[in-house]
N, C-alpha and C. Protein backbone atom coordinates (compact mmCIF):
# COMPACT_ATOMS: atom_id res chain seq x y z
N MET A 1 0.84 -1.19 0.00
CA MET A 1 0.00 0.00 0.00
C MET A 1 0.88 1.25 0.00
N ALA A 2 0.56 2.22 -0.82
CA ALA A 2 1.34 3.45 -0.88
C ALA A 2 1.18 4.24 0.41
N ARG A 3 2.26 4.91 0.85
CA ARG A 3 2.21 5.72 2.05
C ARG A 3 1.36 6.95 1.79
N LEU A 4 0.53 7.29 2.79
CA LEU A 4 -0.31 8.45 2.67
C LEU A 4 0.51 9.72 2.83
N ALA A 5 0.02 10.79 2.23
CA ALA A 5 0.71 12.07 2.35
C ALA A 5 0.69 12.56 3.80
N ILE A 6 1.82 13.14 4.23
CA ILE A 6 1.89 13.74 5.55
C ILE A 6 1.68 15.23 5.38
N VAL A 7 0.63 15.76 5.97
CA VAL A 7 0.30 17.17 5.80
C VAL A 7 0.15 17.82 7.17
N SER A 8 0.46 19.10 7.23
CA SER A 8 0.28 19.87 8.47
C SER A 8 -0.29 21.22 8.11
N PRO A 9 -1.61 21.29 7.88
CA PRO A 9 -2.25 22.53 7.46
C PRO A 9 -2.07 23.64 8.50
N VAL A 10 -1.89 24.84 8.03
CA VAL A 10 -1.72 25.99 8.91
C VAL A 10 -2.97 26.18 9.77
N GLY A 11 -2.77 26.35 11.07
CA GLY A 11 -3.88 26.62 11.98
C GLY A 11 -4.64 25.40 12.45
N VAL A 12 -4.24 24.21 12.01
CA VAL A 12 -4.92 22.97 12.40
C VAL A 12 -4.00 22.19 13.35
N PRO A 13 -4.48 21.81 14.54
CA PRO A 13 -3.63 21.07 15.48
C PRO A 13 -3.09 19.78 14.89
N GLN A 14 -1.86 19.43 15.27
CA GLN A 14 -1.18 18.23 14.79
C GLN A 14 -0.62 17.45 15.98
N ARG A 15 -0.54 16.13 15.81
CA ARG A 15 0.14 15.28 16.81
C ARG A 15 1.49 14.89 16.25
N ILE A 16 2.50 14.93 17.11
CA ILE A 16 3.84 14.50 16.71
C ILE A 16 4.39 13.56 17.78
N VAL A 17 4.88 12.41 17.35
CA VAL A 17 5.55 11.49 18.27
C VAL A 17 6.96 11.26 17.77
N GLN A 18 7.92 11.40 18.65
CA GLN A 18 9.33 11.15 18.33
C GLN A 18 9.80 9.97 19.16
N ARG A 19 10.32 8.94 18.50
CA ARG A 19 10.73 7.72 19.19
C ARG A 19 12.19 7.41 18.90
N GLY A 20 12.83 6.75 19.87
CA GLY A 20 14.15 6.20 19.62
C GLY A 20 14.02 4.99 18.71
N ASN A 21 14.97 4.79 17.83
CA ASN A 21 14.93 3.64 16.94
C ASN A 21 14.89 2.35 17.74
N ASN A 22 14.04 1.42 17.31
CA ASN A 22 13.90 0.13 17.98
C ASN A 22 13.55 0.29 19.46
N ARG A 23 12.80 1.36 19.76
CA ARG A 23 12.35 1.63 21.13
C ARG A 23 13.50 1.91 22.09
N GLN A 24 14.64 2.33 21.55
CA GLN A 24 15.75 2.70 22.41
C GLN A 24 15.42 3.97 23.17
N VAL A 25 16.14 4.20 24.27
CA VAL A 25 15.89 5.40 25.06
C VAL A 25 16.25 6.65 24.26
N CYS A 26 15.52 7.71 24.53
CA CYS A 26 15.79 8.99 23.87
C CYS A 26 16.68 9.89 24.71
N PHE A 27 16.72 9.64 26.02
CA PHE A 27 17.43 10.54 26.92
C PHE A 27 18.32 9.75 27.87
N GLY A 28 19.50 10.32 28.13
CA GLY A 28 20.42 9.68 29.05
C GLY A 28 20.14 10.01 30.50
N GLY A 29 19.29 11.00 30.76
CA GLY A 29 18.97 11.40 32.12
C GLY A 29 18.20 12.70 32.13
N GLU A 30 17.98 13.25 33.32
CA GLU A 30 17.17 14.45 33.46
C GLU A 30 17.79 15.67 32.78
N GLU A 31 19.11 15.73 32.76
CA GLU A 31 19.75 16.87 32.11
C GLU A 31 19.44 16.89 30.61
N ASP A 32 19.40 15.71 30.01
CA ASP A 32 19.03 15.62 28.58
C ASP A 32 17.59 16.06 28.37
N MET A 33 16.71 15.70 29.30
CA MET A 33 15.30 16.06 29.17
C MET A 33 15.12 17.57 29.34
N LYS A 34 15.86 18.16 30.24
CA LYS A 34 15.82 19.62 30.40
C LYS A 34 16.30 20.30 29.12
N ALA A 35 17.38 19.77 28.57
CA ALA A 35 17.91 20.34 27.32
C ALA A 35 16.88 20.23 26.21
N TYR A 36 16.20 19.09 26.13
CA TYR A 36 15.20 18.88 25.08
C TYR A 36 14.08 19.91 25.19
N LEU A 37 13.58 20.14 26.40
CA LEU A 37 12.51 21.11 26.58
C LEU A 37 12.97 22.52 26.22
N ASN A 38 14.23 22.82 26.51
CA ASN A 38 14.77 24.12 26.12
C ASN A 38 14.80 24.26 24.60
N TRP A 39 15.20 23.17 23.91
CA TRP A 39 15.23 23.21 22.44
C TRP A 39 13.83 23.30 21.87
N LEU A 40 12.90 22.56 22.46
CA LEU A 40 11.52 22.60 21.99
C LEU A 40 10.97 24.01 22.14
N THR A 41 11.28 24.65 23.25
CA THR A 41 10.85 26.03 23.47
C THR A 41 11.47 26.97 22.43
N GLU A 42 12.77 26.85 22.26
CA GLU A 42 13.50 27.74 21.34
C GLU A 42 13.01 27.59 19.91
N TYR A 43 12.91 26.35 19.43
CA TYR A 43 12.62 26.15 18.01
C TYR A 43 11.13 26.25 17.70
N SER A 44 10.27 25.99 18.67
CA SER A 44 8.84 26.21 18.42
C SER A 44 8.56 27.70 18.28
N ILE A 45 9.23 28.51 19.10
CA ILE A 45 9.07 29.96 19.00
C ILE A 45 9.71 30.48 17.71
N LYS A 46 10.91 30.00 17.41
CA LYS A 46 11.63 30.45 16.22
C LYS A 46 10.86 30.17 14.94
N HIS A 47 10.27 28.97 14.84
CA HIS A 47 9.62 28.58 13.59
C HIS A 47 8.11 28.85 13.59
N GLY A 48 7.55 29.28 14.71
CA GLY A 48 6.14 29.62 14.74
C GLY A 48 5.22 28.42 14.86
N VAL A 49 5.47 27.59 15.88
CA VAL A 49 4.63 26.43 16.16
C VAL A 49 4.11 26.56 17.60
N GLY A 50 2.81 26.62 17.77
CA GLY A 50 2.23 26.70 19.11
C GLY A 50 2.15 25.32 19.74
N ILE A 51 2.77 25.13 20.90
CA ILE A 51 2.78 23.84 21.59
C ILE A 51 1.72 23.87 22.68
N HIS A 52 0.74 22.98 22.60
CA HIS A 52 -0.37 22.95 23.55
C HIS A 52 -0.18 21.92 24.66
N ALA A 53 0.36 20.76 24.32
CA ALA A 53 0.54 19.69 25.30
C ALA A 53 1.74 18.85 24.89
N TRP A 54 2.41 18.25 25.89
CA TRP A 54 3.59 17.42 25.60
C TRP A 54 3.85 16.48 26.76
N VAL A 55 4.60 15.43 26.47
CA VAL A 55 5.13 14.55 27.52
C VAL A 55 6.44 13.96 27.02
N LEU A 56 7.43 13.93 27.89
CA LEU A 56 8.72 13.30 27.60
C LEU A 56 8.77 11.99 28.37
N MET A 57 8.83 10.88 27.64
CA MET A 57 8.98 9.56 28.25
C MET A 57 10.40 9.06 27.97
N THR A 58 10.75 7.92 28.52
CA THR A 58 12.12 7.45 28.35
C THR A 58 12.47 7.14 26.90
N ASN A 59 11.48 6.62 26.13
CA ASN A 59 11.80 6.23 24.75
C ASN A 59 10.98 6.96 23.69
N HIS A 60 10.20 7.95 24.09
CA HIS A 60 9.49 8.73 23.09
C HIS A 60 9.02 10.07 23.67
N VAL A 61 8.70 10.97 22.77
CA VAL A 61 8.15 12.28 23.12
C VAL A 61 6.87 12.47 22.32
N HIS A 62 5.83 12.96 22.98
CA HIS A 62 4.55 13.17 22.31
C HIS A 62 4.17 14.64 22.47
N ARG A 63 3.77 15.29 21.36
CA ARG A 63 3.37 16.69 21.38
C ARG A 63 2.06 16.91 20.65
N LEU A 64 1.35 17.93 21.07
CA LEU A 64 0.18 18.43 20.37
C LEU A 64 0.46 19.89 20.05
N CYS A 65 0.44 20.24 18.77
CA CYS A 65 0.87 21.58 18.39
C CYS A 65 0.08 22.09 17.20
N THR A 66 0.18 23.39 16.95
CA THR A 66 -0.48 24.02 15.81
C THR A 66 0.51 24.88 15.03
N PRO A 67 0.73 24.57 13.74
CA PRO A 67 1.64 25.39 12.92
C PRO A 67 0.99 26.71 12.55
N GLN A 68 1.78 27.78 12.61
CA GLN A 68 1.26 29.10 12.29
C GLN A 68 1.55 29.51 10.85
N SER A 69 2.39 28.73 10.17
CA SER A 69 2.65 28.97 8.75
C SER A 69 3.07 27.65 8.09
N GLU A 70 3.19 27.66 6.79
CA GLU A 70 3.44 26.44 6.01
C GLU A 70 4.83 25.88 6.29
N GLY A 71 4.90 24.57 6.53
CA GLY A 71 6.17 23.86 6.63
C GLY A 71 6.94 24.03 7.92
N VAL A 72 6.38 24.70 8.91
CA VAL A 72 7.16 25.02 10.11
C VAL A 72 7.31 23.83 11.05
N VAL A 73 6.37 22.88 11.02
CA VAL A 73 6.49 21.71 11.90
C VAL A 73 7.72 20.90 11.54
N SER A 74 7.92 20.66 10.24
CA SER A 74 9.09 19.90 9.80
C SER A 74 10.38 20.63 10.15
N LYS A 75 10.40 21.95 9.97
CA LYS A 75 11.60 22.73 10.29
C LYS A 75 11.92 22.64 11.78
N MET A 76 10.89 22.73 12.61
CA MET A 76 11.09 22.64 14.06
C MET A 76 11.66 21.28 14.44
N MET A 77 11.09 20.20 13.88
CA MET A 77 11.53 18.86 14.24
C MET A 77 12.94 18.57 13.73
N GLN A 78 13.27 19.09 12.57
CA GLN A 78 14.63 18.91 12.05
C GLN A 78 15.66 19.60 12.94
N SER A 79 15.32 20.79 13.41
CA SER A 79 16.23 21.52 14.30
C SER A 79 16.41 20.77 15.62
N ILE A 80 15.32 20.27 16.18
CA ILE A 80 15.39 19.53 17.44
C ILE A 80 16.14 18.23 17.24
N GLY A 81 15.89 17.56 16.11
CA GLY A 81 16.55 16.29 15.83
C GLY A 81 18.06 16.41 15.79
N ARG A 82 18.54 17.49 15.20
CA ARG A 82 19.99 17.71 15.13
C ARG A 82 20.58 17.90 16.52
N MET A 83 19.87 18.62 17.38
CA MET A 83 20.36 18.85 18.73
C MET A 83 20.30 17.57 19.56
N LEU A 84 19.23 16.79 19.37
CA LEU A 84 19.09 15.55 20.12
C LEU A 84 20.18 14.56 19.75
N CYS A 85 20.53 14.51 18.49
CA CYS A 85 21.62 13.62 18.05
C CYS A 85 22.94 14.00 18.72
N SER A 86 23.10 15.27 19.01
CA SER A 86 24.35 15.71 19.63
C SER A 86 24.50 15.21 21.05
N ILE A 87 23.38 15.04 21.78
CA ILE A 87 23.49 14.53 23.15
C ILE A 87 23.51 13.01 23.17
N LEU A 88 22.90 12.39 22.15
CA LEU A 88 22.93 10.93 22.10
C LEU A 88 24.30 10.44 21.65
N GLN A 89 25.02 11.31 20.92
CA GLN A 89 26.38 11.03 20.46
C GLN A 89 26.43 9.71 19.68
N LEU A 90 27.33 8.81 20.03
CA LEU A 90 27.57 7.62 19.20
C LEU A 90 26.89 6.37 19.72
N TYR A 91 26.33 6.40 20.93
CA TYR A 91 25.84 5.14 21.49
C TYR A 91 24.41 4.81 21.11
N LEU A 92 23.73 5.71 20.43
CA LEU A 92 22.38 5.43 19.96
C LEU A 92 22.21 5.95 18.54
N SER A 93 21.35 5.30 17.79
CA SER A 93 21.03 5.81 16.46
C SER A 93 20.05 6.97 16.59
N ALA A 94 19.95 7.76 15.55
CA ALA A 94 19.13 8.97 15.59
C ALA A 94 17.65 8.64 15.77
N PRO A 95 16.94 9.40 16.63
CA PRO A 95 15.51 9.18 16.80
C PRO A 95 14.73 9.62 15.57
N ARG A 96 13.55 9.08 15.42
CA ARG A 96 12.69 9.44 14.31
C ARG A 96 11.39 10.02 14.84
N TYR A 97 10.79 10.89 14.04
CA TYR A 97 9.51 11.42 14.48
C TYR A 97 8.42 11.06 13.47
N THR A 98 7.20 10.95 13.99
CA THR A 98 6.03 10.65 13.18
C THR A 98 5.04 11.79 13.31
N LEU A 99 4.66 12.38 12.19
CA LEU A 99 3.60 13.37 12.19
C LEU A 99 2.30 12.61 12.06
N GLY A 100 1.56 12.56 13.17
CA GLY A 100 0.42 11.66 13.24
C GLY A 100 -0.82 12.11 12.50
N GLY A 101 -0.90 13.36 12.13
CA GLY A 101 -2.06 13.79 11.37
C GLY A 101 -2.80 14.94 12.03
N SER A 102 -3.72 15.53 11.28
CA SER A 102 -4.50 16.66 11.77
C SER A 102 -5.52 16.22 12.80
N VAL A 103 -5.91 17.16 13.65
CA VAL A 103 -6.82 16.86 14.75
C VAL A 103 -8.03 17.78 14.68
N GLN A 104 -9.21 17.20 14.74
CA GLN A 104 -10.44 17.99 14.78
C GLN A 104 -10.56 18.59 16.19
N SER A 105 -10.34 19.88 16.30
CA SER A 105 -10.19 20.53 17.60
C SER A 105 -11.39 20.33 18.51
N GLU A 106 -12.57 20.68 18.04
CA GLU A 106 -13.74 20.69 18.89
C GLU A 106 -14.04 19.32 19.50
N ARG A 107 -13.70 18.28 18.81
CA ARG A 107 -14.05 16.94 19.26
C ARG A 107 -12.91 16.25 20.02
N TYR A 108 -11.67 16.53 19.65
CA TYR A 108 -10.57 15.72 20.17
C TYR A 108 -9.46 16.48 20.89
N LEU A 109 -9.39 17.78 20.79
CA LEU A 109 -8.21 18.48 21.29
C LEU A 109 -7.98 18.26 22.78
N LEU A 110 -9.00 18.48 23.60
CA LEU A 110 -8.83 18.30 25.04
C LEU A 110 -8.69 16.82 25.41
N GLU A 111 -9.27 15.94 24.60
CA GLU A 111 -9.06 14.50 24.82
C GLU A 111 -7.60 14.14 24.60
N LEU A 112 -6.97 14.77 23.61
CA LEU A 112 -5.56 14.52 23.36
C LEU A 112 -4.68 15.12 24.46
N HIS A 113 -5.11 16.23 25.02
CA HIS A 113 -4.43 16.75 26.21
C HIS A 113 -4.39 15.66 27.28
N ARG A 114 -5.53 15.07 27.54
CA ARG A 114 -5.60 14.02 28.58
C ARG A 114 -4.75 12.81 28.19
N TYR A 115 -4.87 12.40 26.94
CA TYR A 115 -4.12 11.24 26.47
C TYR A 115 -2.62 11.45 26.66
N ILE A 116 -2.14 12.61 26.29
CA ILE A 116 -0.71 12.90 26.37
C ILE A 116 -0.26 13.01 27.82
N GLU A 117 -0.99 13.78 28.62
CA GLU A 117 -0.53 14.06 29.98
C GLU A 117 -0.79 12.92 30.95
N LEU A 118 -1.58 11.93 30.55
CA LEU A 118 -1.78 10.73 31.37
C LEU A 118 -0.85 9.59 30.95
N ASN A 119 0.04 9.85 30.03
CA ASN A 119 0.94 8.82 29.53
C ASN A 119 1.74 8.18 30.65
N SER A 120 2.27 8.98 31.53
CA SER A 120 3.09 8.45 32.63
C SER A 120 2.27 7.64 33.62
N VAL A 121 0.99 7.98 33.75
CA VAL A 121 0.09 7.22 34.63
C VAL A 121 -0.21 5.86 34.03
N ARG A 122 -0.51 5.83 32.72
CA ARG A 122 -0.78 4.55 32.05
C ARG A 122 0.45 3.66 32.08
N ALA A 123 1.64 4.27 32.06
CA ALA A 123 2.88 3.49 32.08
C ALA A 123 3.24 3.00 33.48
N GLY A 124 2.46 3.41 34.48
CA GLY A 124 2.71 2.96 35.84
C GLY A 124 3.87 3.67 36.52
N MET A 125 4.28 4.80 35.99
CA MET A 125 5.41 5.54 36.56
C MET A 125 4.98 6.40 37.75
N VAL A 126 3.75 6.91 37.69
CA VAL A 126 3.19 7.73 38.77
C VAL A 126 1.71 7.38 38.91
N GLU A 127 1.11 7.85 40.00
CA GLU A 127 -0.32 7.61 40.20
C GLU A 127 -1.17 8.78 39.72
N GLU A 128 -0.60 9.97 39.73
CA GLU A 128 -1.31 11.18 39.29
C GLU A 128 -0.43 11.95 38.30
N PRO A 129 -1.05 12.59 37.30
CA PRO A 129 -0.25 13.33 36.32
C PRO A 129 0.55 14.48 36.95
N SER A 130 0.07 15.00 38.06
CA SER A 130 0.77 16.09 38.74
C SER A 130 2.11 15.65 39.32
N GLU A 131 2.32 14.33 39.45
CA GLU A 131 3.55 13.80 40.03
C GLU A 131 4.67 13.67 38.99
N TYR A 132 4.32 13.84 37.72
CA TYR A 132 5.31 13.65 36.66
C TYR A 132 5.78 15.00 36.15
N THR A 133 7.06 15.26 36.29
CA THR A 133 7.63 16.56 35.96
C THR A 133 7.64 16.86 34.48
N TRP A 134 7.76 15.81 33.65
CA TRP A 134 8.12 16.01 32.25
C TRP A 134 6.91 16.01 31.31
N SER A 135 5.84 16.66 31.75
CA SER A 135 4.67 16.81 30.88
C SER A 135 4.11 18.22 31.04
N SER A 136 3.16 18.55 30.20
CA SER A 136 2.55 19.88 30.21
C SER A 136 1.45 20.01 31.26
N TYR A 137 1.17 18.93 32.01
CA TYR A 137 0.11 19.02 33.02
C TYR A 137 0.42 20.12 34.04
N GLY A 138 1.69 20.30 34.35
CA GLY A 138 2.07 21.31 35.32
C GLY A 138 1.61 22.70 34.94
N CYS A 139 1.78 23.07 33.67
CA CYS A 139 1.35 24.41 33.25
C CYS A 139 -0.14 24.46 32.93
N ASN A 140 -0.68 23.39 32.33
CA ASN A 140 -2.10 23.40 31.96
C ASN A 140 -3.03 23.22 33.16
N GLY A 141 -2.57 22.44 34.16
CA GLY A 141 -3.45 22.14 35.29
C GLY A 141 -3.05 22.78 36.60
N LEU A 142 -1.79 23.20 36.72
CA LEU A 142 -1.29 23.70 38.01
C LEU A 142 -0.72 25.11 37.91
N ASP A 143 -0.74 25.70 36.73
CA ASP A 143 -0.28 27.07 36.51
C ASP A 143 1.21 27.24 36.77
N ILE A 144 2.00 26.21 36.46
CA ILE A 144 3.45 26.35 36.51
C ILE A 144 3.89 27.11 35.26
N GLU A 145 4.59 28.20 35.45
CA GLU A 145 4.92 29.09 34.34
C GLU A 145 5.96 28.48 33.41
N THR A 146 5.74 28.59 32.12
CA THR A 146 6.69 28.13 31.12
C THR A 146 6.49 28.93 29.83
N LYS A 147 7.57 29.17 29.12
CA LYS A 147 7.49 29.86 27.83
C LYS A 147 7.09 28.90 26.71
N LEU A 148 7.10 27.60 27.01
CA LEU A 148 6.83 26.61 25.96
C LEU A 148 5.37 26.54 25.58
N GLN A 149 4.48 26.67 26.55
CA GLN A 149 3.06 26.43 26.29
C GLN A 149 2.38 27.57 25.56
N THR A 150 1.59 27.22 24.54
CA THR A 150 0.68 28.14 23.88
C THR A 150 -0.73 27.61 24.09
N ALA A 151 -1.53 28.34 24.83
CA ALA A 151 -2.88 27.86 25.15
C ALA A 151 -3.77 27.92 23.91
N HIS A 152 -4.43 26.80 23.61
CA HIS A 152 -5.39 26.76 22.51
C HIS A 152 -6.68 27.45 22.95
N LYS A 153 -7.45 27.92 21.99
CA LYS A 153 -8.68 28.65 22.31
C LYS A 153 -9.67 27.77 23.07
N LEU A 154 -9.64 26.46 22.85
CA LEU A 154 -10.55 25.58 23.58
C LEU A 154 -10.13 25.43 25.04
N TYR A 155 -8.83 25.51 25.29
CA TYR A 155 -8.36 25.53 26.67
C TYR A 155 -8.80 26.82 27.34
N LEU A 156 -8.65 27.94 26.66
CA LEU A 156 -9.05 29.23 27.21
C LEU A 156 -10.55 29.30 27.46
N ALA A 157 -11.31 28.53 26.70
CA ALA A 157 -12.77 28.52 26.85
C ALA A 157 -13.23 27.74 28.07
N LEU A 158 -12.31 27.09 28.78
CA LEU A 158 -12.68 26.33 29.97
C LEU A 158 -13.12 27.23 31.12
N GLY A 159 -12.82 28.50 31.06
CA GLY A 159 -13.25 29.41 32.12
C GLY A 159 -12.88 30.85 31.80
N LYS A 160 -13.62 31.78 32.41
CA LYS A 160 -13.36 33.20 32.17
C LYS A 160 -12.12 33.69 32.89
N THR A 161 -11.78 33.03 34.00
CA THR A 161 -10.59 33.40 34.75
C THR A 161 -9.58 32.25 34.73
N LYS A 162 -8.34 32.56 35.07
CA LYS A 162 -7.30 31.53 35.10
C LYS A 162 -7.66 30.44 36.11
N GLN A 163 -8.15 30.82 37.27
CA GLN A 163 -8.48 29.84 38.29
C GLN A 163 -9.62 28.92 37.84
N GLN A 164 -10.61 29.47 37.15
CA GLN A 164 -11.70 28.65 36.61
C GLN A 164 -11.17 27.65 35.60
N ARG A 165 -10.27 28.11 34.74
CA ARG A 165 -9.70 27.22 33.72
C ARG A 165 -8.91 26.09 34.36
N LEU A 166 -8.09 26.42 35.35
CA LEU A 166 -7.28 25.40 36.02
C LEU A 166 -8.17 24.37 36.71
N LEU A 167 -9.21 24.85 37.39
CA LEU A 167 -10.12 23.94 38.10
C LEU A 167 -10.84 23.03 37.12
N ASN A 168 -11.37 23.59 36.06
CA ASN A 168 -12.10 22.79 35.07
C ASN A 168 -11.17 21.85 34.32
N TYR A 169 -9.94 22.28 34.10
CA TYR A 169 -8.98 21.41 33.41
C TYR A 169 -8.65 20.20 34.28
N ARG A 170 -8.39 20.41 35.54
CA ARG A 170 -8.08 19.29 36.44
C ARG A 170 -9.26 18.33 36.55
N ALA A 171 -10.47 18.87 36.43
CA ALA A 171 -11.66 18.01 36.50
C ALA A 171 -11.71 17.02 35.34
N LEU A 172 -11.12 17.38 34.20
CA LEU A 172 -11.09 16.48 33.05
C LEU A 172 -10.33 15.20 33.35
N PHE A 173 -9.42 15.26 34.32
CA PHE A 173 -8.53 14.14 34.61
C PHE A 173 -9.04 13.22 35.71
N LYS A 174 -10.25 13.48 36.18
CA LYS A 174 -10.83 12.60 37.19
C LYS A 174 -11.22 11.25 36.59
N VAL A 175 -11.38 11.24 35.27
CA VAL A 175 -11.70 10.00 34.55
C VAL A 175 -10.60 9.75 33.53
N HIS A 176 -10.10 8.52 33.49
CA HIS A 176 -9.05 8.19 32.53
C HIS A 176 -9.63 8.06 31.12
N VAL A 177 -8.78 8.12 30.14
CA VAL A 177 -9.20 7.98 28.74
C VAL A 177 -9.72 6.57 28.52
N GLY A 178 -10.92 6.46 27.95
CA GLY A 178 -11.55 5.16 27.74
C GLY A 178 -10.82 4.31 26.71
N VAL A 179 -11.06 3.01 26.79
CA VAL A 179 -10.39 2.06 25.90
C VAL A 179 -10.71 2.35 24.44
N GLU A 180 -11.96 2.64 24.14
CA GLU A 180 -12.36 2.89 22.75
C GLU A 180 -11.65 4.12 22.18
N LEU A 181 -11.58 5.18 23.00
CA LEU A 181 -10.90 6.40 22.55
C LEU A 181 -9.40 6.17 22.44
N LEU A 182 -8.82 5.42 23.38
CA LEU A 182 -7.40 5.08 23.30
C LEU A 182 -7.08 4.39 21.98
N THR A 183 -7.92 3.42 21.62
CA THR A 183 -7.72 2.67 20.38
C THR A 183 -7.82 3.59 19.17
N GLU A 184 -8.81 4.47 19.18
CA GLU A 184 -9.00 5.40 18.06
C GLU A 184 -7.80 6.33 17.89
N ILE A 185 -7.31 6.85 19.00
CA ILE A 185 -6.16 7.76 18.96
C ILE A 185 -4.92 7.02 18.46
N ARG A 186 -4.67 5.84 19.00
CA ARG A 186 -3.47 5.08 18.63
C ARG A 186 -3.52 4.62 17.18
N ASP A 187 -4.68 4.16 16.74
CA ASP A 187 -4.81 3.71 15.35
C ASP A 187 -4.57 4.85 14.38
N SER A 188 -5.15 6.00 14.67
CA SER A 188 -4.98 7.14 13.76
C SER A 188 -3.53 7.60 13.72
N LEU A 189 -2.84 7.49 14.86
CA LEU A 189 -1.43 7.88 14.90
C LEU A 189 -0.57 6.89 14.12
N ASN A 190 -0.77 5.61 14.38
CA ASN A 190 0.05 4.58 13.72
C ASN A 190 -0.16 4.57 12.21
N LYS A 191 -1.39 4.89 11.79
CA LYS A 191 -1.70 4.88 10.36
C LYS A 191 -1.57 6.26 9.72
N ARG A 192 -1.17 7.25 10.54
CA ARG A 192 -1.00 8.62 10.07
C ARG A 192 -2.28 9.18 9.44
N LEU A 193 -3.38 8.94 10.12
CA LEU A 193 -4.67 9.42 9.66
C LEU A 193 -5.09 10.64 10.47
N ALA A 194 -5.91 11.48 9.87
CA ALA A 194 -6.48 12.60 10.62
C ALA A 194 -7.39 12.04 11.71
N LEU A 195 -7.43 12.73 12.84
CA LEU A 195 -8.29 12.32 13.94
C LEU A 195 -9.51 13.23 13.95
N GLY A 196 -10.61 12.71 13.41
CA GLY A 196 -11.81 13.52 13.31
C GLY A 196 -12.86 12.82 12.48
N SER A 197 -13.93 13.52 12.24
CA SER A 197 -15.04 12.96 11.47
C SER A 197 -14.68 12.85 10.00
N GLU A 198 -15.51 12.14 9.25
CA GLU A 198 -15.29 12.01 7.81
C GLU A 198 -15.36 13.37 7.13
N ARG A 199 -16.26 14.21 7.61
CA ARG A 199 -16.39 15.56 7.04
C ARG A 199 -15.11 16.36 7.28
N PHE A 200 -14.56 16.25 8.49
CA PHE A 200 -13.31 16.95 8.81
C PHE A 200 -12.18 16.48 7.91
N THR A 201 -12.06 15.17 7.73
CA THR A 201 -11.01 14.62 6.87
C THR A 201 -11.15 15.13 5.44
N THR A 202 -12.38 15.17 4.95
CA THR A 202 -12.64 15.68 3.60
C THR A 202 -12.22 17.15 3.48
N GLN A 203 -12.49 17.92 4.52
CA GLN A 203 -12.11 19.34 4.52
C GLN A 203 -10.59 19.51 4.48
N ILE A 204 -9.87 18.66 5.23
CA ILE A 204 -8.40 18.73 5.25
C ILE A 204 -7.84 18.36 3.88
N GLU A 205 -8.42 17.34 3.24
CA GLU A 205 -7.96 16.93 1.91
C GLU A 205 -8.21 18.05 0.90
N ALA A 206 -9.35 18.72 1.02
CA ALA A 206 -9.66 19.82 0.10
C ALA A 206 -8.73 21.01 0.35
N LEU A 207 -8.42 21.25 1.63
CA LEU A 207 -7.56 22.37 2.00
C LEU A 207 -6.14 22.18 1.50
N THR A 208 -5.65 20.95 1.57
CA THR A 208 -4.25 20.68 1.22
C THR A 208 -4.08 20.11 -0.18
N ASN A 209 -5.20 19.72 -0.80
CA ASN A 209 -5.17 19.09 -2.12
C ASN A 209 -4.32 17.82 -2.10
N ARG A 210 -4.39 17.08 -0.98
CA ARG A 210 -3.63 15.83 -0.85
C ARG A 210 -4.50 14.80 -0.15
N ARG A 211 -4.34 13.55 -0.56
CA ARG A 211 -5.14 12.47 0.01
C ARG A 211 -4.52 12.01 1.33
N ILE A 212 -5.35 11.93 2.38
CA ILE A 212 -4.87 11.48 3.69
C ILE A 212 -5.70 10.32 4.22
N THR A 213 -6.53 9.75 3.36
CA THR A 213 -7.29 8.57 3.75
C THR A 213 -6.98 7.45 2.77
N PRO A 214 -6.91 6.21 3.26
CA PRO A 214 -6.60 5.10 2.36
C PRO A 214 -7.73 4.85 1.38
N ARG A 215 -7.36 4.54 0.16
CA ARG A 215 -8.37 4.20 -0.83
C ARG A 215 -8.98 2.84 -0.50
N LYS A 216 -10.25 2.74 -0.77
CA LYS A 216 -10.91 1.46 -0.55
C LYS A 216 -10.40 0.44 -1.56
N ALA A 217 -10.16 -0.74 -1.06
CA ALA A 217 -9.65 -1.79 -1.93
C ALA A 217 -10.70 -2.16 -2.98
N GLU A 218 -10.26 -2.22 -4.21
CA GLU A 218 -11.18 -2.58 -5.29
C GLU A 218 -11.23 -4.09 -5.44
N ARG A 219 -12.42 -4.56 -5.67
CA ARG A 219 -12.57 -5.99 -5.89
C ARG A 219 -11.97 -6.38 -7.24
N PRO A 220 -11.22 -7.45 -7.27
CA PRO A 220 -10.65 -7.88 -8.56
C PRO A 220 -11.75 -8.25 -9.54
N LYS A 221 -11.54 -7.86 -10.80
CA LYS A 221 -12.53 -8.19 -11.81
C LYS A 221 -12.56 -9.68 -12.07
N LYS A 222 -13.75 -10.17 -12.21
CA LYS A 222 -13.89 -11.59 -12.49
C LYS A 222 -13.45 -11.89 -13.92
N SER A 223 -12.62 -12.87 -14.07
CA SER A 223 -12.18 -13.24 -15.41
C SER A 223 -13.30 -13.96 -16.13
N GLU A 224 -13.44 -13.64 -17.41
CA GLU A 224 -14.50 -14.26 -18.19
C GLU A 224 -14.14 -15.71 -18.48
N SER A 225 -15.08 -16.58 -18.24
CA SER A 225 -14.82 -18.01 -18.49
C SER A 225 -14.84 -18.28 -19.99
N LYS A 226 -13.87 -19.06 -20.41
CA LYS A 226 -13.81 -19.39 -21.83
C LYS A 226 -14.79 -20.51 -22.15
N SER A 227 -15.50 -20.33 -23.26
CA SER A 227 -16.48 -21.35 -23.65
C SER A 227 -15.82 -22.43 -24.48
């Protein structure tokens, strides 16, 4: 099957996952993780990519972001990739990133916030997302100041005041992401499909003039029997 086009339309949220090759570790320790967040901050600002949610795990990094102009997501990831290779040096092969596809904001954006920031909980590393330092839950749910975060309009709509938004955001995490939604998110990421309704996917294809859904398999034509 031909690989689907990878697109990142301007103003449409995107998921990005960066993994070590063969599930190798991406970071040698906390200093590497601090450096990575500094690079993510620097290059997201430099290239014009709004970062809404993120988590740094031992063997992968997951982000939810919105490009502000054409081609900036790839530029940001290339810049970060070069810096990450410098800390990994010779003992690991270069990490790869996957652009998982466009996200229908109204339906999935805050669900992806939960999915990303609960990653450490699902992995059994902590019991609460607030206990994990290396995710965006601290700024989104606890008001820890950072230059990295760009609040999406749906996050801002959680309340008229900062305290209302923080309270309502934390309330989203009282229930874990359901199995059905987990499967939908993971399948769309692995297959590089847009996460949204059929109408949303059609709109993205029209906007970018590129196909992002697999073609339906055609039934083989029946051969005519010889008389």
